[in-house]
Amino acid sequence: MVAHGLLVKATGTVFTGLVGVSAYEVLRKAVGKAPVHRAAVTATEWGLRGTRRAEVAAEAARLKVADVVAEARDRIGDDASLSVDPVGDDCCS
């Protein structure tokens, strides 16, 4: 009884897979290779443009925050530059 139910489920899964593969192959042959490649290149181009815009916006925001912090340090009389102790830095020695 359990084997019969498992066989029915497996048959349905195999049939669904065959239908999906067949539909994919028909669509691939009908559309052709070039349009799919062009669409992939276009989508990647949009992604790269979006990433570039996000990087520019993030850098602008970082610079604005740095300006605010520098002005606030200047107002309280603190040196706005960060002091680095080259002797105490053992990173690359």
C-alpha atoms as a PDB file:
ATOM      1  CA  MET A   1       0.000   0.000   0.000  1.00  0.00           C
ATOM      2  CA  VAL A   2       2.789   2.433   0.911  1.00  0.00           C
ATOM      3  CA  ALA A   3       4.771   1.411  -2.168  1.00  0.00           C
ATOM      4  CA  HIS A   4       1.750   2.110  -4.383  1.00  0.00           C
ATOM      5  CA  GLY A   5       1.365   5.638  -2.981  1.00  0.00           C
ATOM      6  CA  LEU A   6       5.070   6.280  -3.406  1.00  0.00           C
ATOM      7  CA  LEU A   7       4.938   5.003  -6.988  1.00  0.00           C
ATOM      8  CA  VAL A   8       2.005   7.305  -7.777  1.00  0.00           C
ATOM      9  CA  LYS A   9       3.848  10.328  -6.356  1.00  0.00           C
ATOM     10  CA  ALA A  10       7.049   9.419  -8.207  1.00  0.00           C
ATOM     11  CA  THR A  11       5.156   8.995 -11.479  1.00  0.00           C
ATOM     12  CA  GLY A  12       3.531  12.391 -11.073  1.00  0.00           C
ATOM     13  CA  THR A  13       6.869  14.010 -10.320  1.00  0.00           C
ATOM     14  CA  VAL A  14       8.549  12.392 -13.329  1.00  0.00           C
ATOM     15  CA  PHE A  15       5.665  13.438 -15.589  1.00  0.00           C
ATOM     16  CA  THR A  16       5.844  17.024 -14.318  1.00  0.00           C
ATOM     17  CA  GLY A  17       9.592  17.070 -14.912  1.00  0.00           C
ATOM     18  CA  LEU A  18       9.209  15.753 -18.452  1.00  0.00           C
ATOM     19  CA  VAL A  19       6.567  18.356 -19.259  1.00  0.00           C
ATOM     20  CA  GLY A  20       8.803  21.104 -17.864  1.00  0.00           C
ATOM     21  CA  VAL A  21      11.863  19.956 -19.805  1.00  0.00           C
ATOM     22  CA  SER A  22       9.836  19.622 -22.999  1.00  0.00           C
ATOM     23  CA  ALA A  23       8.364  23.101 -22.590  1.00  0.00           C
ATOM     24  CA  TYR A  24      11.821  24.527 -21.919  1.00  0.00           C
ATOM     25  CA  GLU A  25      13.296  22.871 -25.009  1.00  0.00           C
ATOM     26  CA  VAL A  26      10.443  24.065 -27.237  1.00  0.00           C
ATOM     27  CA  LEU A  27      10.759  27.604 -25.894  1.00  0.00           C
ATOM     28  CA  ARG A  28      14.532  27.565 -26.279  1.00  0.00           C
ATOM     29  CA  LYS A  29      14.293  26.450 -29.900  1.00  0.00           C
ATOM     30  CA  ALA A  30      11.506  28.912 -30.696  1.00  0.00           C
ATOM     31  CA  VAL A  31      13.159  31.941 -29.138  1.00  0.00           C
ATOM     32  CA  GLY A  32      16.677  31.126 -30.203  1.00  0.00           C
ATOM     33  CA  LYS A  33      19.950  31.703 -28.486  1.00  0.00           C
ATOM     34  CA  ALA A  34      20.678  35.339 -29.370  1.00  0.00           C
ATOM     35  CA  PRO A  35      17.625  37.001 -27.756  1.00  0.00           C
ATOM     36  CA  VAL A  36      18.244  35.179 -24.488  1.00  0.00           C
ATOM     37  CA  HIS A  37      21.872  36.285 -24.524  1.00  0.00           C
ATOM     38  CA  ARG A  38      20.903  39.876 -25.314  1.00  0.00           C
ATOM     39  CA  ALA A  39      18.354  39.853 -22.511  1.00  0.00           C
ATOM     40  CA  ALA A  40      20.943  38.508 -20.067  1.00  0.00           C
ATOM     41  CA  VAL A  41      23.456  41.173 -21.114  1.00  0.00           C
ATOM     42  CA  THR A  42      20.822  43.907 -20.782  1.00  0.00           C
ATOM     43  CA  ALA A  43      19.783  42.705 -17.326  1.00  0.00           C
ATOM     44  CA  THR A  44      23.424  42.587 -16.227  1.00  0.00           C
ATOM     45  CA  GLU A  45      23.973  46.084 -17.632  1.00  0.00           C
ATOM     46  CA  TRP A  46      21.034  47.416 -15.609  1.00  0.00           C
ATOM     47  CA  GLY A  47      22.375  45.710 -12.507  1.00  0.00           C
ATOM     48  CA  LEU A  48      25.825  47.225 -12.994  1.00  0.00           C
ATOM     49  CA  ARG A  49      24.358  50.682 -13.554  1.00  0.00           C
ATOM     50  CA  GLY A  50      22.263  50.355 -10.406  1.00  0.00           C
ATOM     51  CA  THR A  51      25.276  49.187  -8.426  1.00  0.00           C
ATOM     52  CA  ARG A  52      27.357  52.092  -9.712  1.00  0.00           C
ATOM     53  CA  ARG A  53      24.647  54.604  -8.756  1.00  0.00           C
ATOM     54  CA  ALA A  54      24.371  53.052  -5.297  1.00  0.00           C
ATOM     55  CA  GLU A  55      28.146  53.270  -4.829  1.00  0.00           C
ATOM     56  CA  VAL A  56      28.152  56.944  -5.858  1.00  0.00           C
ATOM     57  CA  ALA A  57      25.285  57.705  -3.465  1.00  0.00           C
ATOM     58  CA  ALA A  58      27.007  55.830  -0.627  1.00  0.00           C
ATOM     59  CA  GLU A  59      30.252  57.725  -1.192  1.00  0.00           C
ATOM     60  CA  ALA A  60      28.406  61.062  -1.250  1.00  0.00           C
ATOM     61  CA  ALA A  61      26.654  60.170   2.010  1.00  0.00           C
ATOM     62  CA  ARG A  62      29.963  59.118   3.581  1.00  0.00           C
ATOM     63  CA  LEU A  63      31.574  62.417   2.604  1.00  0.00           C
ATOM     64  CA  LYS A  64      28.640  64.418   3.989  1.00  0.00           C
ATOM     65  CA  VAL A  65      28.832  62.577   7.302  1.00  0.00           C
ATOM     66  CA  ALA A  66      32.599  63.122   7.425  1.00  0.00           C
ATOM     67  CA  ASP A  67      32.054  66.862   6.854  1.00  0.00           C
ATOM     68  CA  VAL A  68      29.522  67.009   9.689  1.00  0.00           C
ATOM     69  CA  VAL A  69      31.831  65.122  12.047  1.00  0.00           C
ATOM     70  CA  ALA A  70      34.777  67.357  11.118  1.00  0.00           C
ATOM     71  CA  GLU A  71      32.724  70.511  11.712  1.00  0.00           C
ATOM     72  CA  ALA A  72      31.461  69.193  15.049  1.00  0.00           C
ATOM     73  CA  ARG A  73      35.021  68.382  16.148  1.00  0.00           C
ATOM     74  CA  ASP A  74      36.133  71.841  15.045  1.00  0.00           C
ATOM     75  CA  ARG A  75      33.372  73.459  17.113  1.00  0.00           C
ATOM     76  CA  ILE A  76      34.444  71.682  20.280  1.00  0.00           C
ATOM     77  CA  GLY A  77      38.089  72.476  19.617  1.00  0.00           C
ATOM     78  CA  ASP A  78      39.104  68.931  18.820  1.00  0.00           C
ATOM     79  CA  ASP A  79      41.524  68.236  15.981  1.00  0.00           C
ATOM     80  CA  ALA A  80      39.483  67.046  13.014  1.00  0.00           C
ATOM     81  CA  SER A  81      42.202  64.802  11.614  1.00  0.00           C
ATOM     82  CA  LEU A  82      42.664  61.317  12.938  1.00  0.00           C
ATOM     83  CA  SER A  83      45.986  60.720  14.613  1.00  0.00           C
ATOM     84  CA  VAL A  84      47.807  57.561  13.636  1.00  0.00           C
ATOM     85  CA  ASP A  85      50.720  56.308  15.667  1.00  0.00           C
ATOM     86  CA  PRO A  86      53.130  54.756  13.133  1.00  0.00           C
ATOM     87  CA  VAL A  87      55.309  53.283  15.889  1.00  0.00           C
ATOM     88  CA  GLY A  88      52.384  51.616  17.622  1.00  0.00           C
ATOM     89  CA  ASP A  89      51.078  50.144  14.381  1.00  0.00           C
ATOM     90  CA  ASP A  90      52.520  46.646  14.059  1.00  0.00           C
ATOM     91  CA  CYS A  91      50.371  45.600  11.122  1.00  0.00           C
ATOM     92  CA  CYS A  92      52.996  45.525   8.402  1.00  0.00           C
ATOM     93  CA  SER A  93      56.333  45.583  10.142  1.00  0.00           C
END
